[in-house]
Amino acid sequence: MIPSVHRPTRAIINLQAIADNVRTIQQHIPRDTKTYAVVKADAYGHGAVKTAHFISRSVDAFAVSNLDEALELRQSGISNDILILGPIAPEDVDLAKESALTVTVSSQNWLELARSQGVDMQGLTVHVKVDSGMGRIGVRSAEEANTLLAELQKSGSRVEGIFTHFATADEADDSKLQQQLAFFKNLLERLDNRPNLIHASNSAASLWHGETIFNAVRLGIAIYGLNPSGTALPLPYPLKPALSLESALIQVKKVEKGADIGYGASYTASAEQYIGTVPIGYADGWTRDLQGFSLLVDGLECEIVGRISMDQLTIRLSEPYPLGTKVTLIGSDGDKEISATDVAHKRDTISYEILCLLSSRIPRLYLGL
């Protein structure tokens, strides 16, 4: 989808805020801990290439979801280590080696499939994934881990790391996390040949559970300035939100009492009022269930009235503002602020989803370049 640069809707990314957040977190974890910056899903909607280049000297490595995301970084000139967190297809191993990428191997079945296809594993850098209770991918016992590690080393692979992922690190109740941590530690103790890099801490675990930090961390949502828990846990120290979302009024009209607004006539004016139209809709990731949420105009909260359309939404204004007046969807205006977490609460979801749903139709404007 082509960015719509000729309309006023845009996401503004403060790259310096991301770099500052990285440094802030690093100041609160052990000094020699290797930092993986997680830039999967286009850096949670912030732009993976621009983000990675800006913070490449502040972090040791990057983590992405899949091979294509890793190749995008390499092709843009990123030279840091890049860990692919999900399994790749065995037939793509040569491509990963050519691009000096680190891959995750999560099962003996994957290795057997690679062998059956005649895949040359010699020289491939690997991290082994442990399923300590997340239930997605990974080996589930020390016996499985030992077998897989031995077979990978026999194949000529460079087994650099082993890791796991916590399911509830962002929740107030840490009983599940402690169970997973105990499982992972027990598995590590029973390994015949422990890899050099060991990592379990995502953003939430790095912020609130220092006991989970081994010698590497994977920092995701926190480096973009958002609380991984939403509001369940207070941040232990301040972080700076890096993304704001702005648009502008493209039409303002006075409607009479009883006028219907939007598809389905789901809003009817209870009195004469001003309605402003804003060029953003569900094709941009601003979903229909945000009807009733308020945006900021001139420092005032203005409710979204009528159903959100594919390309536009309508808000109730306090006065007939001129065309081009700024509308803030995420960010600050005057003494009021809308956070991605606020939007998430309205939609009964998490801030990660809000950011990742902001489509490529919205141009990203970068501060700090």
Protein backbone atom coordinates (compact mmCIF):
# COMPACT_ATOMS: atom_id res chain seq x y z
CA MET A 1 0.00 0.00 0.00
CA ILE A 2 1.53 3.30 -1.04
CA PRO A 3 1.97 5.96 1.65
CA SER A 4 -0.58 8.74 1.19
CA VAL A 5 1.82 11.66 1.41
CA HIS A 6 -0.65 14.13 -0.09
CA ARG A 7 -3.08 14.06 2.80
CA PRO A 8 -2.43 15.46 6.28
CA THR A 9 -2.52 12.18 8.20
CA ARG A 10 0.93 11.11 9.36
CA ALA A 11 2.77 9.27 12.11
CA ILE A 12 5.63 11.26 13.58
CA ILE A 13 8.49 9.14 14.92
CA ASN A 14 10.94 10.62 17.41
CA LEU A 15 14.03 8.49 16.84
CA GLN A 16 15.94 10.20 19.64
CA ALA A 17 13.25 9.09 22.08
CA ILE A 18 13.86 5.47 21.03
CA ALA A 19 17.62 5.87 21.52
CA ASP A 20 17.04 7.52 24.90
CA ASN A 21 14.76 4.68 25.99
CA VAL A 22 17.40 2.11 25.03
CA ARG A 23 20.03 3.89 27.11
CA THR A 24 17.66 4.35 30.04
CA ILE A 25 16.89 0.62 30.20
CA GLN A 26 20.55 -0.29 29.77
CA GLN A 27 21.37 1.83 32.81
CA HIS A 28 19.09 -0.38 34.89
CA ILE A 29 20.33 -3.81 33.82
CA PRO A 30 23.73 -5.46 34.36
CA ARG A 31 26.41 -3.60 32.45
CA ASP A 32 27.73 -6.48 30.34
CA THR A 33 24.28 -7.64 29.18
CA LYS A 34 23.97 -7.95 25.40
CA THR A 35 21.08 -5.87 24.07
CA TYR A 36 18.85 -7.13 21.27
CA ALA A 37 16.54 -4.41 19.98
CA VAL A 38 13.37 -6.05 18.70
CA VAL A 39 12.37 -4.38 15.42
CA LYS A 40 9.92 -6.97 14.13
CA ALA A 41 6.63 -5.88 12.53
CA ASP A 42 8.36 -2.82 11.06
CA ALA A 43 9.63 -1.87 14.52
CA TYR A 44 6.13 -2.09 15.97
CA GLY A 45 4.92 0.33 13.32
CA HIS A 46 7.75 2.82 13.84
CA GLY A 47 9.78 1.80 10.77
CA ALA A 48 12.39 -0.93 11.12
CA VAL A 49 15.05 0.40 8.76
CA LYS A 50 15.07 3.97 10.07
CA THR A 51 14.90 2.81 13.69
CA ALA A 52 17.63 0.21 13.30
CA HIS A 53 20.04 2.61 11.62
CA PHE A 54 19.47 5.28 14.26
CA ILE A 55 20.15 2.99 17.24
CA SER A 56 22.64 0.59 15.63
CA ARG A 57 25.51 1.89 17.74
CA SER A 58 23.48 1.81 20.95
CA VAL A 59 22.59 -1.89 20.78
CA ASP A 60 24.51 -5.07 20.12
CA ALA A 61 22.05 -6.79 17.83
CA PHE A 62 18.54 -6.82 16.42
CA ALA A 63 15.74 -9.37 16.62
CA VAL A 64 13.06 -9.84 13.99
CA SER A 65 10.20 -12.21 13.35
CA ASN A 66 11.13 -13.76 10.03
CA LEU A 67 13.70 -14.03 7.27
CA ASP A 68 12.27 -11.27 5.12
CA GLU A 69 12.44 -8.76 7.96
CA ALA A 70 16.07 -9.72 8.53
CA LEU A 71 16.93 -9.40 4.84
CA GLU A 72 15.37 -5.95 4.74
CA LEU A 73 17.76 -4.81 7.47
CA ARG A 74 20.80 -6.41 5.83
CA GLN A 75 19.96 -4.94 2.44
CA SER A 76 19.64 -1.50 4.03
CA GLY A 77 23.19 -1.74 5.33
CA ILE A 78 22.69 -2.92 8.92
CA SER A 79 25.79 -4.87 9.99
CA ASN A 80 24.80 -5.78 13.58
CA ASP A 81 23.95 -9.36 14.44
CA ILE A 82 20.33 -10.15 13.53
CA LEU A 83 18.41 -12.94 15.25
CA ILE A 84 15.33 -14.37 13.52
CA LEU A 85 13.00 -15.33 16.36
CA GLY A 86 10.75 -17.68 14.37
CA PRO A 87 11.77 -20.81 12.44
CA ILE A 88 12.72 -20.35 8.81
CA ALA A 89 12.08 -22.86 6.03
CA PRO A 90 15.00 -25.31 5.75
CA GLU A 91 15.38 -24.47 2.06
CA ASP A 92 16.24 -20.89 3.07
CA VAL A 93 19.25 -21.83 5.20
CA ASP A 94 21.70 -20.93 2.44
CA LEU A 95 20.14 -17.49 2.15
CA ALA A 96 20.45 -16.98 5.90
CA LYS A 97 24.11 -17.99 5.80
CA GLU A 98 24.85 -15.72 2.84
CA SER A 99 23.41 -12.79 4.78
CA ALA A 100 25.13 -13.74 8.06
CA LEU A 101 21.82 -14.11 9.90
CA THR A 102 21.23 -16.02 13.12
CA VAL A 103 18.31 -18.44 13.00
CA THR A 104 16.17 -20.05 15.65
CA VAL A 105 15.87 -23.81 15.72
CA SER A 106 13.02 -24.98 17.91
CA SER A 107 12.65 -28.71 17.32
CA GLN A 108 14.39 -31.89 16.29
CA ASN A 109 11.71 -32.29 13.62
CA TRP A 110 12.95 -29.14 11.90
CA LEU A 111 16.51 -30.45 11.84
CA GLU A 112 15.38 -33.81 10.48
CA LEU A 113 13.42 -32.06 7.72
CA ALA A 114 16.49 -30.01 6.84
CA ARG A 115 18.58 -33.17 6.63
CA SER A 116 16.01 -34.90 4.45
CA GLN A 117 16.26 -31.99 2.03
CA GLY A 118 20.04 -32.17 1.95
CA VAL A 119 20.44 -28.76 3.58
CA ASP A 120 24.04 -27.84 4.40
CA MET A 121 24.04 -26.62 8.01
CA GLN A 122 27.78 -26.01 8.09
CA GLY A 123 28.53 -22.48 9.31
CA LEU A 124 24.93 -21.59 10.22
CA THR A 125 24.65 -19.54 13.43
CA VAL A 126 21.85 -20.87 15.61
CA HIS A 127 19.93 -20.13 18.79
CA VAL A 128 17.83 -22.93 20.26
CA LYS A 129 14.37 -22.03 21.56
CA VAL A 130 13.01 -23.54 24.77
CA ASP A 131 9.28 -23.74 25.43
CA SER A 132 9.22 -23.16 29.19
CA GLY A 133 5.47 -22.67 29.27
CA MET A 134 4.51 -20.27 26.49
CA GLY A 135 3.21 -23.18 24.43
CA ARG A 136 4.22 -21.96 20.97
CA ILE A 137 7.62 -23.13 19.70
CA GLY A 138 10.60 -24.70 21.41
CA VAL A 139 11.93 -27.88 22.99
CA ARG A 140 10.16 -28.93 26.16
CA SER A 141 12.78 -30.87 28.09
CA ALA A 142 16.49 -30.99 28.83
CA GLU A 143 16.67 -34.29 26.98
CA GLU A 144 15.25 -32.70 23.83
CA ALA A 145 17.57 -29.73 24.22
CA ASN A 146 20.67 -31.89 24.66
CA THR A 147 19.81 -33.99 21.63
CA LEU A 148 19.12 -30.98 19.46
CA LEU A 149 22.25 -29.12 20.59
CA ALA A 150 24.43 -32.15 19.94
CA GLU A 151 22.93 -32.76 16.51
CA LEU A 152 23.30 -29.13 15.52
CA GLN A 153 26.94 -29.07 16.58
CA LYS A 154 27.51 -32.33 14.69
CA SER A 155 26.01 -30.74 11.58
CA GLY A 156 28.61 -27.98 11.69
CA SER A 157 26.27 -25.28 12.93
CA ARG A 158 27.57 -22.63 15.32
CA VAL A 159 25.26 -22.91 18.31
CA GLU A 160 25.59 -19.46 19.81
CA GLY A 161 22.58 -19.16 22.10
CA ILE A 162 19.60 -20.64 23.88
CA PHE A 163 16.50 -18.73 24.95
CA THR A 164 12.94 -18.81 26.17
CA HIS A 165 9.99 -16.40 26.36
CA PHE A 166 7.73 -15.56 29.29
CA ALA A 167 3.96 -15.60 28.96
CA THR A 168 3.05 -13.33 31.89
CA ALA A 169 6.02 -11.04 32.56
CA ASP A 170 3.73 -8.02 32.15
CA GLU A 171 1.22 -9.11 34.80
CA ALA A 172 1.06 -8.32 38.51
CA ASP A 173 0.84 -12.02 39.39
CA ASP A 174 4.31 -13.44 38.72
CA SER A 175 3.61 -17.05 39.73
CA LYS A 176 3.55 -18.28 36.12
CA LEU A 177 6.75 -16.37 35.34
CA GLN A 178 8.51 -17.91 38.32
CA GLN A 179 7.43 -21.37 37.17
CA GLN A 180 8.83 -20.74 33.72
CA LEU A 181 12.05 -19.29 35.11
CA ALA A 182 12.57 -22.30 37.36
CA PHE A 183 11.93 -24.65 34.43
CA PHE A 184 14.43 -22.79 32.24
CA LYS A 185 17.11 -22.66 34.93
CA ASN A 186 16.70 -26.37 35.63
CA LEU A 187 17.00 -27.13 31.93
CA LEU A 188 20.16 -25.03 31.66
CA GLU A 189 21.74 -26.87 34.58
CA ARG A 190 21.17 -30.19 32.82
CA LEU A 191 22.73 -29.20 29.50
CA ASP A 192 25.83 -31.09 28.42
CA ASN A 193 27.11 -28.12 26.40
CA ARG A 194 25.58 -24.79 27.34
CA PRO A 195 25.69 -22.12 24.58
CA ASN A 196 27.43 -18.85 25.41
CA LEU A 197 24.39 -16.58 25.03
CA ILE A 198 21.38 -17.13 27.27
CA HIS A 199 18.35 -14.85 27.10
CA ALA A 200 14.86 -14.93 28.56
CA SER A 201 14.00 -11.32 29.29
CA ASN A 202 11.66 -9.41 27.02
CA SER A 203 10.75 -5.78 27.76
CA ALA A 204 8.50 -6.62 30.69
CA ALA A 205 10.93 -9.04 32.32
CA SER A 206 13.79 -6.57 31.84
CA LEU A 207 11.79 -3.80 33.52
CA TRP A 208 10.26 -5.66 36.45
CA HIS A 209 12.09 -8.97 36.88
CA GLY A 210 15.85 -8.49 37.02
CA GLU A 211 16.23 -12.07 38.23
CA THR A 212 15.32 -13.28 34.73
CA ILE A 213 18.29 -11.57 33.08
CA PHE A 214 21.08 -13.90 32.05
CA ASN A 215 23.62 -12.33 29.66
CA ALA A 216 21.31 -10.92 26.99
CA VAL A 217 17.91 -9.20 26.83
CA ARG A 218 15.38 -8.64 24.05
CA LEU A 219 13.92 -5.16 24.28
CA GLY A 220 10.73 -4.58 22.33
CA ILE A 221 7.78 -2.33 23.18
CA ALA A 222 9.67 -0.55 25.97
CA ILE A 223 12.21 1.03 23.63
CA TYR A 224 9.30 2.68 21.83
CA GLY A 225 8.31 4.26 25.14
CA LEU A 226 5.25 2.23 26.08
CA ASN A 227 4.43 0.26 29.21
CA PRO A 228 4.31 -3.47 28.32
CA SER A 229 1.66 -4.05 30.97
CA GLY A 230 -0.66 -1.27 29.84
CA THR A 231 -1.59 0.04 33.27
CA ALA A 232 -1.34 -3.18 35.28
CA LEU A 233 2.12 -2.26 36.59
CA PRO A 234 3.71 1.17 36.96
CA LEU A 235 6.88 1.76 35.00
CA PRO A 236 9.92 1.58 37.31
CA TYR A 237 11.38 4.63 35.53
CA PRO A 238 10.16 7.04 32.85
CA LEU A 239 10.19 6.15 29.15
CA LYS A 240 9.41 8.45 26.22
CA PRO A 241 6.66 7.49 23.74
CA ALA A 242 8.25 7.74 20.30
CA LEU A 243 5.19 7.82 18.04
CA SER A 244 2.50 10.43 17.65
CA LEU A 245 -0.33 10.33 15.13
CA GLU A 246 -1.74 13.50 13.63
CA SER A 247 -4.17 14.59 10.95
CA ALA A 248 -6.19 17.69 10.13
CA LEU A 249 -9.75 18.81 9.50
CA ILE A 250 -10.69 18.56 5.82
CA GLN A 251 -14.30 19.70 6.23
CA VAL A 252 -16.27 21.46 8.95
CA LYS A 253 -20.03 21.90 8.80
CA LYS A 254 -22.91 22.89 11.01
CA VAL A 255 -25.65 20.26 11.19
CA GLU A 256 -29.15 20.65 12.53
CA LYS A 257 -30.73 18.78 15.41
CA GLY A 258 -31.76 15.33 14.21
CA ALA A 259 -29.08 15.09 11.49
CA ASP A 260 -27.62 11.60 11.03
CA ILE A 261 -23.88 11.05 10.64
CA GLY A 262 -22.09 8.13 9.02
CA TYR A 263 -22.87 4.62 7.83
CA GLY A 264 -25.86 3.03 9.50
CA ALA A 265 -26.95 6.43 10.84
CA SER A 266 -25.52 5.33 14.16
CA TYR A 267 -25.23 8.90 15.44
CA THR A 268 -27.97 11.51 15.44
CA ALA A 269 -27.25 15.08 16.50
CA SER A 270 -29.16 15.91 19.68
CA ALA A 271 -28.81 19.62 18.96
CA GLU A 272 -27.35 21.93 16.34
CA GLN A 273 -23.60 21.28 16.31
CA TYR A 274 -20.38 21.40 14.32
CA ILE A 275 -19.04 18.24 12.70
CA GLY A 276 -15.46 17.93 11.48
CA THR A 277 -14.20 15.31 9.03
CA VAL A 278 -10.71 13.79 9.46
CA PRO A 279 -8.99 11.75 6.70
CA ILE A 280 -8.19 8.53 8.54
CA GLY A 281 -10.19 5.32 8.80
CA TYR A 282 -10.04 1.60 9.25
CA ALA A 283 -7.88 1.12 6.14
CA ASP A 284 -5.27 3.06 8.09
CA GLY A 285 -5.70 0.93 11.20
CA TRP A 286 -8.05 3.33 13.01
CA THR A 287 -10.75 0.73 13.52
CA ARG A 288 -14.53 1.05 13.66
CA ASP A 289 -14.73 0.17 17.35
CA LEU A 290 -13.11 3.54 18.16
CA GLN A 291 -16.43 5.30 17.64
CA GLY A 292 -17.05 7.21 20.86
CA PHE A 293 -13.33 7.72 21.54
CA SER A 294 -12.14 11.33 21.69
CA LEU A 295 -9.40 13.06 19.69
CA LEU A 296 -7.72 16.36 20.48
CA VAL A 297 -8.39 19.61 18.63
CA ASP A 298 -7.01 22.86 20.01
CA GLY A 299 -6.32 21.10 23.30
CA LEU A 300 -9.94 19.97 23.64
CA GLU A 301 -11.39 16.47 23.56
CA CYS A 302 -13.64 15.93 20.54
CA GLU A 303 -15.68 12.75 20.37
CA ILE A 304 -15.72 10.52 17.28
CA VAL A 305 -19.37 10.46 16.22
CA GLY A 306 -20.83 8.18 13.58
CA ARG A 307 -19.18 5.01 12.35
CA ILE A 308 -15.57 5.20 11.27
CA SER A 309 -15.32 4.67 7.52
CA MET A 310 -12.54 3.13 5.48
CA ASP A 311 -10.91 6.50 4.81
CA GLN A 312 -12.55 9.09 7.07
CA LEU A 313 -14.05 9.70 10.47
CA THR A 314 -16.16 12.49 11.93
CA ILE A 315 -15.81 14.31 15.24
CA ARG A 316 -18.04 16.71 17.14
CA LEU A 317 -16.40 20.12 17.45
CA SER A 318 -16.94 22.89 19.97
CA GLU A 319 -16.69 25.58 17.28
CA PRO A 320 -16.18 25.93 13.50
CA TYR A 321 -12.43 25.50 13.30
CA PRO A 322 -10.76 26.39 9.99
CA LEU A 323 -9.80 23.72 7.49
CA GLY A 324 -6.33 22.38 8.16
CA THR A 325 -6.65 22.62 11.95
CA LYS A 326 -4.50 19.90 13.53
CA VAL A 327 -6.17 16.82 14.97
CA THR A 328 -4.18 14.68 17.40
CA LEU A 329 -5.05 10.98 17.54
CA ILE A 330 -2.00 9.86 19.56
CA GLY A 331 0.18 12.43 21.30
CA SER A 332 -0.16 15.72 23.16
CA ASP A 333 -2.07 18.93 22.50
CA GLY A 334 -2.03 21.60 25.19
CA ASP A 335 -2.22 19.94 28.58
CA LYS A 336 -4.00 16.85 27.30
CA GLU A 337 -2.49 13.64 25.95
CA ILE A 338 -3.73 10.52 24.17
CA SER A 339 -1.45 7.49 24.46
CA ALA A 340 -1.50 4.29 22.44
CA THR A 341 -2.47 2.63 25.72
CA ASP A 342 -5.54 4.88 25.95
CA VAL A 343 -6.56 3.81 22.45
CA ALA A 344 -5.95 0.18 23.40
CA HIS A 345 -8.20 0.47 26.46
CA LYS A 346 -11.02 1.75 24.29
CA ARG A 347 -10.59 -1.24 21.98
CA ASP A 348 -10.05 -3.74 24.82
CA THR A 349 -6.65 -4.71 23.45
CA ILE A 350 -2.97 -3.81 23.94
CA SER A 351 -0.83 -0.94 22.70
CA TYR A 352 1.23 -3.33 20.56
CA GLU A 353 -1.81 -4.00 18.39
CA ILE A 354 -2.65 -0.32 18.06
CA LEU A 355 0.83 0.49 16.75
CA CYS A 356 1.19 -2.54 14.50
CA LEU A 357 -2.19 -1.88 12.85
CA LEU A 358 -1.16 1.58 11.66
CA SER A 359 -0.99 0.77 7.98
CA SER A 360 1.67 1.68 5.44
CA ARG A 361 -0.83 4.13 3.94
CA ILE A 362 0.11 6.46 6.80
CA PRO A 363 3.44 8.18 6.01
CA ARG A 364 6.08 8.12 8.73
CA LEU A 365 7.80 11.43 9.40
CA TYR A 366 11.10 10.99 11.26
CA LEU A 367 12.51 13.44 13.76
CA GLY A 368 16.23 13.21 14.46
CA LEU A 369 17.51 12.29 11.01
